[in-house]
C-alpha atoms as a PDB file:
ATOM      1  CA  MET A   1      93.103  54.389 161.611  1.00  0.00           C
ATOM      2  CA  LEU A   2      96.321  53.583 159.833  1.00  0.00           C
ATOM      3  CA  PRO A   3      99.243  52.649 162.031  1.00  0.00           C
ATOM      4  CA  LEU A   4     101.444  55.680 162.577  1.00  0.00           C
ATOM      5  CA  LEU A   5     104.461  54.246 160.761  1.00  0.00           C
ATOM      6  CA  VAL A   6     102.442  53.460 157.635  1.00  0.00           C
ATOM      7  CA  TRP A   7     101.001  56.942 157.810  1.00  0.00           C
ATOM      8  CA  ILE A   8     104.418  58.587 158.125  1.00  0.00           C
ATOM      9  CA  GLY A   9     105.839  56.421 155.343  1.00  0.00           C
ATOM     10  CA  PHE A  10     102.945  57.284 153.060  1.00  0.00           C
ATOM     11  CA  SER A  11     103.290  60.997 153.793  1.00  0.00           C
ATOM     12  CA  GLN A  12     107.014  60.871 153.052  1.00  0.00           C
ATOM     13  CA  TRP A  13     106.354  58.990 149.806  1.00  0.00           C
ATOM     14  CA  MET A  14     103.752  61.556 148.708  1.00  0.00           C
ATOM     15  CA  LYS A  15     106.200  64.326 149.544  1.00  0.00           C
ATOM     16  CA  LYS A  16     108.904  62.686 147.435  1.00  0.00           C
ATOM     17  CA  GLU A  17     106.605  61.823 144.511  1.00  0.00           C
ATOM     18  CA  PHE A  18     104.479  64.955 144.326  1.00  0.00           C
ATOM     19  CA  GLY A  19     106.423  67.521 146.320  1.00  0.00           C
ATOM     20  CA  CYS A  20     103.725  68.013 148.926  1.00  0.00           C
ATOM     21  CA  TYR A  21     102.149  66.176 151.794  1.00  0.00           C
ATOM     22  CA  PRO A  22      98.808  64.505 151.086  1.00  0.00           C
ATOM     23  CA  PRO A  23      95.701  66.411 152.161  1.00  0.00           C
ATOM     24  CA  ARG A  24      94.169  65.198 155.388  1.00  0.00           C
ATOM     25  CA  GLU A  25      90.861  64.285 153.703  1.00  0.00           C
ATOM     26  CA  MET A  26      92.685  61.916 151.380  1.00  0.00           C
ATOM     27  CA  LEU A  27      94.364  60.178 154.289  1.00  0.00           C
ATOM     28  CA  VAL A  28      91.063  59.786 156.084  1.00  0.00           C
ATOM     29  CA  GLU A  29      89.599  58.196 152.939  1.00  0.00           C
ATOM     30  CA  LEU A  30      92.568  55.842 152.618  1.00  0.00           C
ATOM     31  CA  SER A  31      92.314  54.816 156.250  1.00  0.00           C
ATOM     32  CA  LYS A  32      88.616  53.943 155.759  1.00  0.00           C
ATOM     33  CA  MET A  33      89.360  51.785 152.734  1.00  0.00           C
ATOM     34  CA  GLY A  34      90.354  48.173 152.913  1.00  0.00           C
ATOM     35  CA  LYS A  35      93.943  47.177 152.303  1.00  0.00           C
ATOM     36  CA  GLU A  36      93.162  45.792 148.837  1.00  0.00           C
ATOM     37  CA  GLU A  37      91.435  48.979 147.733  1.00  0.00           C
ATOM     38  CA  ARG A  38      94.335  51.017 149.026  1.00  0.00           C
ATOM     39  CA  GLU A  39      96.823  48.998 146.992  1.00  0.00           C
ATOM     40  CA  LYS A  40      94.708  49.403 143.852  1.00  0.00           C
ATOM     41  CA  HIS A  41      94.709  53.156 144.423  1.00  0.00           C
ATOM     42  CA  LEU A  42      98.447  53.608 144.753  1.00  0.00           C
END
């Protein structure tokens, strides 16, 4: 799983960018991905 701080930071960023918290499924997908894939995504 993602470290909690990364997770909180990402949630806050999503909230700021899109006005809502990311859906849980999306976070699970991101946590399964490798770091490189995650950076490509964002």
